[in-house]
Amino acid sequence: MSALAVANVTRFEDEVLKLPQVQIETQHAFHAGMYARTIKMAKDVILTGALIRIPTILIINGDALVYREDGPVRFTGHHVMLGAAGRKQAFVALEDTYLTMLFPTEAKTVEEAEAEFTEDADRLMSRKDDAVNSFVMEA
């Protein structure tokens, strides 16, 4: 994303943070050298993501508007996307929508993985005092 597009999302985020905030659970999983994090956005929730500094895969399942470099795009159904490094996106859930981001890592903890994908790890919902986090464990 261009610096201008990132700045646009950041300005939008500043406005969204003035609205009442909702709690969103983050589900974490480590497997086969990969880290995945999944959230469920309820219908009508607006979310801005952290500035992602590494390439990742982003899976969108639901119905959402996603602000990208080329403007807002509606994604309905199941989509697997190749996410570039240097992106900061905004999402509006038109219906309940799941977002999963995954990437290869040598991290052993959620904190290490979060610090790997963003410099803004301390601002993530999963780091808040009232955060709801769950973990997928192997059987």
C-alpha atoms as a PDB file:
ATOM      1  CA  MET A   1       0.000   0.000   0.000  1.00  0.00           C
ATOM      2  CA  SER A   2       1.121   3.503  -0.641  1.00  0.00           C
ATOM      3  CA  ALA A   3       1.891   5.833   2.247  1.00  0.00           C
ATOM      4  CA  LEU A   4      -1.208   7.826   1.273  1.00  0.00           C
ATOM      5  CA  ALA A   5      -3.490   4.767   1.479  1.00  0.00           C
ATOM      6  CA  VAL A   6      -2.048   3.819   4.892  1.00  0.00           C
ATOM      7  CA  ALA A   7      -2.539   7.419   6.066  1.00  0.00           C
ATOM      8  CA  ASN A   8      -6.162   7.333   4.890  1.00  0.00           C
ATOM      9  CA  VAL A   9      -6.849   4.203   6.961  1.00  0.00           C
ATOM     10  CA  THR A  10      -5.057   5.743   9.946  1.00  0.00           C
ATOM     11  CA  ARG A  11      -7.244   8.868   9.747  1.00  0.00           C
ATOM     12  CA  PHE A  12     -10.335   6.651   9.474  1.00  0.00           C
ATOM     13  CA  GLU A  13      -9.104   4.668  12.492  1.00  0.00           C
ATOM     14  CA  ASP A  14      -8.775   7.879  14.520  1.00  0.00           C
ATOM     15  CA  GLU A  15     -12.480   8.559  13.875  1.00  0.00           C
ATOM     16  CA  VAL A  16     -13.583   4.959  14.532  1.00  0.00           C
ATOM     17  CA  LEU A  17     -11.806   4.994  17.907  1.00  0.00           C
ATOM     18  CA  LYS A  18     -14.163   7.790  19.000  1.00  0.00           C
ATOM     19  CA  LEU A  19     -17.120   5.388  18.650  1.00  0.00           C
ATOM     20  CA  PRO A  20     -18.173   2.793  21.242  1.00  0.00           C
ATOM     21  CA  GLN A  21     -15.817  -0.170  20.997  1.00  0.00           C
ATOM     22  CA  VAL A  22     -16.768  -3.848  20.858  1.00  0.00           C
ATOM     23  CA  GLN A  23     -14.839  -6.786  22.202  1.00  0.00           C
ATOM     24  CA  ILE A  24     -13.698  -9.270  19.556  1.00  0.00           C
ATOM     25  CA  GLU A  25     -12.240 -12.661  20.447  1.00  0.00           C
ATOM     26  CA  THR A  26      -8.950 -13.611  18.812  1.00  0.00           C
ATOM     27  CA  GLN A  27      -8.310 -17.317  18.207  1.00  0.00           C
ATOM     28  CA  HIS A  28      -4.615 -18.221  17.913  1.00  0.00           C
ATOM     29  CA  ALA A  29      -3.025 -21.356  16.458  1.00  0.00           C
ATOM     30  CA  PHE A  30       0.540 -22.537  15.875  1.00  0.00           C
ATOM     31  CA  HIS A  31       1.045 -25.534  13.603  1.00  0.00           C
ATOM     32  CA  ALA A  32       3.721 -26.796  11.197  1.00  0.00           C
ATOM     33  CA  GLY A  33       5.774 -23.614  11.419  1.00  0.00           C
ATOM     34  CA  MET A  34       2.734 -21.395  10.819  1.00  0.00           C
ATOM     35  CA  TYR A  35       0.882 -18.925  13.025  1.00  0.00           C
ATOM     36  CA  ALA A  36      -2.800 -18.181  12.374  1.00  0.00           C
ATOM     37  CA  ARG A  37      -5.114 -15.719  14.084  1.00  0.00           C
ATOM     38  CA  THR A  38      -8.858 -15.605  13.480  1.00  0.00           C
ATOM     39  CA  ILE A  39     -11.467 -13.078  14.523  1.00  0.00           C
ATOM     40  CA  LYS A  40     -15.214 -12.961  13.991  1.00  0.00           C
ATOM     41  CA  MET A  41     -16.618  -9.553  13.115  1.00  0.00           C
ATOM     42  CA  ALA A  42     -20.318  -9.358  13.898  1.00  0.00           C
ATOM     43  CA  LYS A  43     -22.587  -7.660  11.384  1.00  0.00           C
ATOM     44  CA  ASP A  44     -22.167  -3.847  11.332  1.00  0.00           C
ATOM     45  CA  VAL A  45     -18.796  -3.880  13.118  1.00  0.00           C
ATOM     46  CA  ILE A  46     -16.103  -1.576  11.733  1.00  0.00           C
ATOM     47  CA  LEU A  47     -12.497  -2.614  12.278  1.00  0.00           C
ATOM     48  CA  THR A  48      -9.145  -1.173  11.315  1.00  0.00           C
ATOM     49  CA  GLY A  49      -6.163  -3.460  11.287  1.00  0.00           C
ATOM     50  CA  ALA A  50      -2.610  -2.916  12.419  1.00  0.00           C
ATOM     51  CA  LEU A  51       0.076  -1.942   9.935  1.00  0.00           C
ATOM     52  CA  ILE A  52       1.235  -5.367   8.741  1.00  0.00           C
ATOM     53  CA  ARG A  53       4.942  -5.403   7.984  1.00  0.00           C
ATOM     54  CA  ILE A  54       5.290  -8.894   6.478  1.00  0.00           C
ATOM     55  CA  PRO A  55       3.507 -10.738   3.665  1.00  0.00           C
ATOM     56  CA  THR A  56       0.676 -12.943   4.939  1.00  0.00           C
ATOM     57  CA  ILE A  57      -2.282 -14.903   3.694  1.00  0.00           C
ATOM     58  CA  LEU A  58      -5.641 -13.378   4.610  1.00  0.00           C
ATOM     59  CA  ILE A  59      -8.790 -15.495   4.477  1.00  0.00           C
ATOM     60  CA  ILE A  60     -12.118 -13.668   4.457  1.00  0.00           C
ATOM     61  CA  ASN A  61     -15.300 -15.673   5.005  1.00  0.00           C
ATOM     62  CA  GLY A  62     -18.549 -13.713   5.138  1.00  0.00           C
ATOM     63  CA  ASP A  63     -19.694 -10.423   3.632  1.00  0.00           C
ATOM     64  CA  ALA A  64     -17.518  -7.365   4.181  1.00  0.00           C
ATOM     65  CA  LEU A  65     -16.231  -4.186   2.633  1.00  0.00           C
ATOM     66  CA  VAL A  66     -12.442  -4.036   2.682  1.00  0.00           C
ATOM     67  CA  TYR A  67     -10.539  -0.825   2.074  1.00  0.00           C
ATOM     68  CA  ARG A  68      -7.538  -1.598  -0.120  1.00  0.00           C
ATOM     69  CA  GLU A  69      -5.061   0.436  -2.140  1.00  0.00           C
ATOM     70  CA  ASP A  70      -7.606   0.725  -4.957  1.00  0.00           C
ATOM     71  CA  GLY A  71     -10.483   1.718  -2.659  1.00  0.00           C
ATOM     72  CA  PRO A  72     -13.261  -0.278  -0.986  1.00  0.00           C
ATOM     73  CA  VAL A  73     -14.005  -3.743  -2.365  1.00  0.00           C
ATOM     74  CA  ARG A  74     -16.872  -6.003  -1.284  1.00  0.00           C
ATOM     75  CA  PHE A  75     -16.026  -9.622  -0.517  1.00  0.00           C
ATOM     76  CA  THR A  76     -18.921 -12.060  -0.240  1.00  0.00           C
ATOM     77  CA  GLY A  77     -18.329 -15.732   0.511  1.00  0.00           C
ATOM     78  CA  HIS A  78     -14.924 -17.329   1.006  1.00  0.00           C
ATOM     79  CA  HIS A  79     -11.771 -15.647  -0.324  1.00  0.00           C
ATOM     80  CA  VAL A  80      -8.085 -16.476   0.115  1.00  0.00           C
ATOM     81  CA  MET A  81      -5.945 -13.402  -0.482  1.00  0.00           C
ATOM     82  CA  LEU A  82      -2.233 -12.783  -0.687  1.00  0.00           C
ATOM     83  CA  GLY A  83      -1.575  -9.872   1.653  1.00  0.00           C
ATOM     84  CA  ALA A  84       1.413  -7.671   0.901  1.00  0.00           C
ATOM     85  CA  ALA A  85       3.773  -6.302   3.512  1.00  0.00           C
ATOM     86  CA  GLY A  86       3.176  -2.674   4.435  1.00  0.00           C
ATOM     87  CA  ARG A  87      -0.618  -2.788   4.423  1.00  0.00           C
ATOM     88  CA  LYS A  88      -3.158  -1.316   6.832  1.00  0.00           C
ATOM     89  CA  GLN A  89      -6.752  -2.174   6.035  1.00  0.00           C
ATOM     90  CA  ALA A  90     -10.208  -1.211   7.204  1.00  0.00           C
ATOM     91  CA  PHE A  91     -13.140  -3.640   7.277  1.00  0.00           C
ATOM     92  CA  VAL A  92     -16.900  -3.170   7.568  1.00  0.00           C
ATOM     93  CA  ALA A  93     -18.874  -6.364   8.236  1.00  0.00           C
ATOM     94  CA  LEU A  94     -22.094  -6.323   6.207  1.00  0.00           C
ATOM     95  CA  GLU A  95     -22.889  -9.744   7.721  1.00  0.00           C
ATOM     96  CA  ASP A  96     -20.999 -11.833  10.284  1.00  0.00           C
ATOM     97  CA  THR A  97     -17.504 -12.236   8.836  1.00  0.00           C
ATOM     98  CA  TYR A  98     -14.456 -14.268   9.819  1.00  0.00           C
ATOM     99  CA  LEU A  99     -10.940 -12.999   9.108  1.00  0.00           C
ATOM    100  CA  THR A 100      -7.939 -15.319   9.389  1.00  0.00           C
ATOM    101  CA  MET A 101      -4.376 -14.138   8.866  1.00  0.00           C
ATOM    102  CA  LEU A 102      -1.535 -16.637   8.703  1.00  0.00           C
ATOM    103  CA  PHE A 103       2.178 -16.659   8.002  1.00  0.00           C
ATOM    104  CA  PRO A 104       5.254 -18.854   8.463  1.00  0.00           C
ATOM    105  CA  THR A 105       7.175 -18.144  11.643  1.00  0.00           C
ATOM    106  CA  GLU A 106       9.629 -19.500  14.153  1.00  0.00           C
ATOM    107  CA  ALA A 107       7.753 -17.725  16.955  1.00  0.00           C
ATOM    108  CA  LYS A 108       6.793 -19.887  19.923  1.00  0.00           C
ATOM    109  CA  THR A 109       4.406 -17.474  21.629  1.00  0.00           C
ATOM    110  CA  VAL A 110       1.558 -15.240  20.527  1.00  0.00           C
ATOM    111  CA  GLU A 111       3.522 -12.211  21.707  1.00  0.00           C
ATOM    112  CA  GLU A 112       6.503 -13.175  19.525  1.00  0.00           C
ATOM    113  CA  ALA A 113       4.270 -13.746  16.487  1.00  0.00           C
ATOM    114  CA  GLU A 114       2.448 -10.445  17.001  1.00  0.00           C
ATOM    115  CA  ALA A 115       5.739  -8.566  17.302  1.00  0.00           C
ATOM    116  CA  GLU A 116       6.873 -10.219  14.067  1.00  0.00           C
ATOM    117  CA  PHE A 117       3.925  -9.074  11.962  1.00  0.00           C
ATOM    118  CA  THR A 118       3.478  -5.536  13.346  1.00  0.00           C
ATOM    119  CA  GLU A 119       5.343  -2.823  15.210  1.00  0.00           C
ATOM    120  CA  ASP A 120       1.966  -1.891  16.736  1.00  0.00           C
ATOM    121  CA  ALA A 121       1.571  -5.129  18.712  1.00  0.00           C
ATOM    122  CA  ASP A 122       0.788  -3.246  21.925  1.00  0.00           C
ATOM    123  CA  ARG A 123      -2.300  -1.736  20.215  1.00  0.00           C
ATOM    124  CA  LEU A 124      -3.791  -5.081  19.130  1.00  0.00           C
ATOM    125  CA  MET A 125      -7.163  -6.149  20.603  1.00  0.00           C
ATOM    126  CA  SER A 126      -5.496  -9.366  21.746  1.00  0.00           C
ATOM    127  CA  ARG A 127      -3.200  -7.317  24.012  1.00  0.00           C
ATOM    128  CA  LYS A 128      -5.915  -5.302  25.791  1.00  0.00           C
ATOM    129  CA  ASP A 129      -6.493  -5.934  29.510  1.00  0.00           C
ATOM    130  CA  ASP A 130     -10.002  -7.231  28.782  1.00  0.00           C
ATOM    131  CA  ALA A 131      -8.945  -9.227  25.706  1.00  0.00           C
ATOM    132  CA  VAL A 132     -10.658 -12.499  24.900  1.00  0.00           C
ATOM    133  CA  ASN A 133      -8.121 -14.934  23.469  1.00  0.00           C
ATOM    134  CA  SER A 134      -8.507 -18.612  22.725  1.00  0.00           C
ATOM    135  CA  PHE A 135      -5.973 -21.131  21.528  1.00  0.00           C
ATOM    136  CA  VAL A 136      -6.265 -24.064  19.159  1.00  0.00           C
ATOM    137  CA  MET A 137      -4.303 -26.968  20.600  1.00  0.00           C
ATOM    138  CA  GLU A 138      -3.335 -30.234  18.974  1.00  0.00           C
ATOM    139  CA  ALA A 139      -5.233 -33.275  20.211  1.00  0.00           C
END
